[in-house]
């Protein structure tokens, strides 16, 4: 069974690239360009890992990450934050308990290595 990755980014080009890259690397991918349904999507898609962009059009990705991590039903999910705004790097992980951070533009090897490092056996919902 392929691991599942939920990707949240408001840039449709980034979603397309990540979807293609991750699918080609052997993952099932669900791409979201809006955070409003993230908990419903987690419940139905049952991801093994979540990628969240920090800078979203309607909400801060760190706030979404914090909600995911503080929720008893989703807090176990590895969550990786992404941003092209490099000054966020030092302050990202503490406020929302993200498991990792990836710079944009992506180094494909670093992205895939980070994902693999944080994947764990599936946990029943």
C-alpha atoms as a PDB file:
ATOM      1  CA  UNK A   1       0.000   0.000   0.000  1.00  0.00           C
ATOM      2  CA  UNK A   2       1.318   3.420  -0.968  1.00  0.00           C
ATOM      3  CA  UNK A   3       1.801   6.073   1.700  1.00  0.00           C
ATOM      4  CA  UNK A   4      -0.578   9.016   1.461  1.00  0.00           C
ATOM      5  CA  UNK A   5       0.461  12.652   1.560  1.00  0.00           C
ATOM      6  CA  UNK A   6      -1.903  15.594   1.975  1.00  0.00           C
ATOM      7  CA  UNK A   7      -0.486  18.804   0.489  1.00  0.00           C
ATOM      8  CA  UNK A   8      -1.869  22.252   1.378  1.00  0.00           C
ATOM      9  CA  UNK A   9      -0.655  25.172  -0.738  1.00  0.00           C
ATOM     10  CA  UNK A  10      -2.586  28.049  -2.309  1.00  0.00           C
ATOM     11  CA  UNK A  11      -0.355  28.063  -5.401  1.00  0.00           C
ATOM     12  CA  UNK A  12      -1.893  25.682  -7.940  1.00  0.00           C
ATOM     13  CA  UNK A  13       1.398  25.437  -9.850  1.00  0.00           C
ATOM     14  CA  UNK A  14       3.172  24.216  -6.710  1.00  0.00           C
ATOM     15  CA  UNK A  15       0.334  21.742  -6.068  1.00  0.00           C
ATOM     16  CA  UNK A  16       0.633  20.403  -9.611  1.00  0.00           C
ATOM     17  CA  UNK A  17       4.408  20.000  -9.354  1.00  0.00           C
ATOM     18  CA  UNK A  18       4.270  18.380  -5.916  1.00  0.00           C
ATOM     19  CA  UNK A  19       1.424  16.071  -6.961  1.00  0.00           C
ATOM     20  CA  UNK A  20       3.372  14.896 -10.000  1.00  0.00           C
ATOM     21  CA  UNK A  21       6.661  14.551  -8.105  1.00  0.00           C
ATOM     22  CA  UNK A  22       5.158  12.687  -5.152  1.00  0.00           C
ATOM     23  CA  UNK A  23       2.994  10.432  -7.322  1.00  0.00           C
ATOM     24  CA  UNK A  24       6.034   9.619  -9.454  1.00  0.00           C
ATOM     25  CA  UNK A  25       7.927   8.809  -6.220  1.00  0.00           C
ATOM     26  CA  UNK A  26       5.302   6.260  -5.198  1.00  0.00           C
ATOM     27  CA  UNK A  27       2.945   8.249  -2.966  1.00  0.00           C
ATOM     28  CA  UNK A  28      -0.795   8.826  -3.166  1.00  0.00           C
ATOM     29  CA  UNK A  29      -1.402  12.573  -3.056  1.00  0.00           C
ATOM     30  CA  UNK A  30      -4.361  14.778  -2.215  1.00  0.00           C
ATOM     31  CA  UNK A  31      -3.784  18.430  -3.055  1.00  0.00           C
ATOM     32  CA  UNK A  32      -5.664  21.209  -1.259  1.00  0.00           C
ATOM     33  CA  UNK A  33      -5.516  24.886  -2.154  1.00  0.00           C
ATOM     34  CA  UNK A  34      -7.696  25.910   0.799  1.00  0.00           C
ATOM     35  CA  UNK A  35      -7.407  25.032   4.501  1.00  0.00           C
ATOM     36  CA  UNK A  36     -11.151  25.171   5.209  1.00  0.00           C
ATOM     37  CA  UNK A  37     -11.701  21.442   4.729  1.00  0.00           C
ATOM     38  CA  UNK A  38      -8.416  20.085   6.041  1.00  0.00           C
ATOM     39  CA  UNK A  39      -9.932  18.090   8.917  1.00  0.00           C
ATOM     40  CA  UNK A  40     -12.582  16.548   6.661  1.00  0.00           C
ATOM     41  CA  UNK A  41      -9.884  15.726   4.116  1.00  0.00           C
ATOM     42  CA  UNK A  42      -7.713  14.159   6.806  1.00  0.00           C
ATOM     43  CA  UNK A  43     -10.655  12.019   7.914  1.00  0.00           C
ATOM     44  CA  UNK A  44     -11.531  10.813   4.404  1.00  0.00           C
ATOM     45  CA  UNK A  45      -8.054  10.618   2.799  1.00  0.00           C
ATOM     46  CA  UNK A  46      -6.258   9.332   5.918  1.00  0.00           C
ATOM     47  CA  UNK A  47      -2.823  10.744   5.097  1.00  0.00           C
ATOM     48  CA  UNK A  48       0.413   9.414   6.542  1.00  0.00           C
ATOM     49  CA  UNK A  49       2.005  12.857   6.348  1.00  0.00           C
ATOM     50  CA  UNK A  50       0.937  16.473   5.711  1.00  0.00           C
ATOM     51  CA  UNK A  51       2.843  19.180   3.815  1.00  0.00           C
ATOM     52  CA  UNK A  52       1.640  22.729   4.589  1.00  0.00           C
ATOM     53  CA  UNK A  53       2.768  26.000   3.025  1.00  0.00           C
ATOM     54  CA  UNK A  54       3.379  28.710   5.624  1.00  0.00           C
ATOM     55  CA  UNK A  55       2.038  31.601   3.552  1.00  0.00           C
ATOM     56  CA  UNK A  56      -1.530  30.869   2.482  1.00  0.00           C
ATOM     57  CA  UNK A  57      -3.978  33.440   1.116  1.00  0.00           C
ATOM     58  CA  UNK A  58      -6.569  33.242   3.909  1.00  0.00           C
ATOM     59  CA  UNK A  59      -4.694  31.792   6.873  1.00  0.00           C
ATOM     60  CA  UNK A  60      -1.197  31.352   8.258  1.00  0.00           C
ATOM     61  CA  UNK A  61       0.003  27.796   7.606  1.00  0.00           C
ATOM     62  CA  UNK A  62       1.564  27.744  11.072  1.00  0.00           C
ATOM     63  CA  UNK A  63      -1.918  28.202  12.560  1.00  0.00           C
ATOM     64  CA  UNK A  64      -3.204  25.281  10.488  1.00  0.00           C
ATOM     65  CA  UNK A  65      -0.250  23.182  11.619  1.00  0.00           C
ATOM     66  CA  UNK A  66      -0.919  24.097  15.250  1.00  0.00           C
ATOM     67  CA  UNK A  67      -4.578  23.066  14.946  1.00  0.00           C
ATOM     68  CA  UNK A  68      -3.587  19.737  13.402  1.00  0.00           C
ATOM     69  CA  UNK A  69      -0.942  19.069  16.053  1.00  0.00           C
ATOM     70  CA  UNK A  70      -3.202  20.035  18.986  1.00  0.00           C
ATOM     71  CA  UNK A  71      -6.107  17.879  17.823  1.00  0.00           C
ATOM     72  CA  UNK A  72      -6.162  14.464  19.519  1.00  0.00           C
ATOM     73  CA  UNK A  73      -7.341  12.796  16.297  1.00  0.00           C
ATOM     74  CA  UNK A  74      -4.606  14.290  14.085  1.00  0.00           C
ATOM     75  CA  UNK A  75      -1.729  15.316  16.353  1.00  0.00           C
ATOM     76  CA  UNK A  76       0.249  12.156  15.595  1.00  0.00           C
ATOM     77  CA  UNK A  77       0.515  13.006  11.881  1.00  0.00           C
ATOM     78  CA  UNK A  78       3.967  14.113  10.765  1.00  0.00           C
ATOM     79  CA  UNK A  79       3.639  17.659   9.491  1.00  0.00           C
ATOM     80  CA  UNK A  80       6.195  19.416   7.335  1.00  0.00           C
ATOM     81  CA  UNK A  81       6.012  23.162   6.737  1.00  0.00           C
ATOM     82  CA  UNK A  82       7.195  24.725   3.474  1.00  0.00           C
ATOM     83  CA  UNK A  83       8.045  28.335   2.683  1.00  0.00           C
ATOM     84  CA  UNK A  84       9.957  30.472   0.259  1.00  0.00           C
ATOM     85  CA  UNK A  85      10.141  33.134   2.946  1.00  0.00           C
ATOM     86  CA  UNK A  86      13.397  32.121   4.567  1.00  0.00           C
ATOM     87  CA  UNK A  87      13.205  34.413   7.594  1.00  0.00           C
ATOM     88  CA  UNK A  88      10.487  32.093   8.972  1.00  0.00           C
ATOM     89  CA  UNK A  89      12.901  29.198   9.397  1.00  0.00           C
ATOM     90  CA  UNK A  90      14.028  29.898  12.955  1.00  0.00           C
ATOM     91  CA  UNK A  91      10.543  30.581  14.342  1.00  0.00           C
ATOM     92  CA  UNK A  92       8.502  27.943  12.564  1.00  0.00           C
ATOM     93  CA  UNK A  93       8.758  24.779  14.556  1.00  0.00           C
ATOM     94  CA  UNK A  94       8.142  25.936  18.113  1.00  0.00           C
ATOM     95  CA  UNK A  95       4.795  27.725  17.691  1.00  0.00           C
ATOM     96  CA  UNK A  96       3.124  24.873  15.838  1.00  0.00           C
ATOM     97  CA  UNK A  97       5.185  21.750  16.618  1.00  0.00           C
ATOM     98  CA  UNK A  98       5.963  21.054  12.963  1.00  0.00           C
ATOM     99  CA  UNK A  99       8.115  18.002  12.449  1.00  0.00           C
ATOM    100  CA  UNK A 100      10.252  19.600   9.760  1.00  0.00           C
ATOM    101  CA  UNK A 101      10.689  22.578   7.434  1.00  0.00           C
ATOM    102  CA  UNK A 102      11.433  22.607   3.691  1.00  0.00           C
ATOM    103  CA  UNK A 103      12.645  25.654   1.769  1.00  0.00           C
ATOM    104  CA  UNK A 104      11.033  26.704  -1.485  1.00  0.00           C
ATOM    105  CA  UNK A 105      12.123  26.332  -4.178  1.00  0.00           C
ATOM    106  CA  UNK A 106      12.493  22.674  -3.320  1.00  0.00           C
ATOM    107  CA  UNK A 107      15.588  20.619  -3.523  1.00  0.00           C
ATOM    108  CA  UNK A 108      13.844  17.426  -4.623  1.00  0.00           C
ATOM    109  CA  UNK A 109      16.247  15.127  -2.772  1.00  0.00           C
ATOM    110  CA  UNK A 110      15.840  17.081   0.484  1.00  0.00           C
ATOM    111  CA  UNK A 111      12.053  17.066   0.134  1.00  0.00           C
ATOM    112  CA  UNK A 112      11.859  13.325  -0.512  1.00  0.00           C
ATOM    113  CA  UNK A 113      14.382  12.549   2.242  1.00  0.00           C
ATOM    114  CA  UNK A 114      12.406  14.607   4.760  1.00  0.00           C
ATOM    115  CA  UNK A 115       9.165  12.897   3.795  1.00  0.00           C
ATOM    116  CA  UNK A 116      10.698   9.434   4.075  1.00  0.00           C
ATOM    117  CA  UNK A 117      12.321  10.287   7.407  1.00  0.00           C
ATOM    118  CA  UNK A 118       8.971  11.255   8.934  1.00  0.00           C
ATOM    119  CA  UNK A 119       6.792   8.496   7.558  1.00  0.00           C
ATOM    120  CA  UNK A 120       5.746   5.855  10.049  1.00  0.00           C
ATOM    121  CA  UNK A 121       3.378   2.892   9.955  1.00  0.00           C
ATOM    122  CA  UNK A 122      -0.255   3.871   9.479  1.00  0.00           C
ATOM    123  CA  UNK A 123      -2.304   4.430  12.580  1.00  0.00           C
ATOM    124  CA  UNK A 124      -6.018   3.630  12.542  1.00  0.00           C
ATOM    125  CA  UNK A 125      -8.343   6.610  12.742  1.00  0.00           C
END
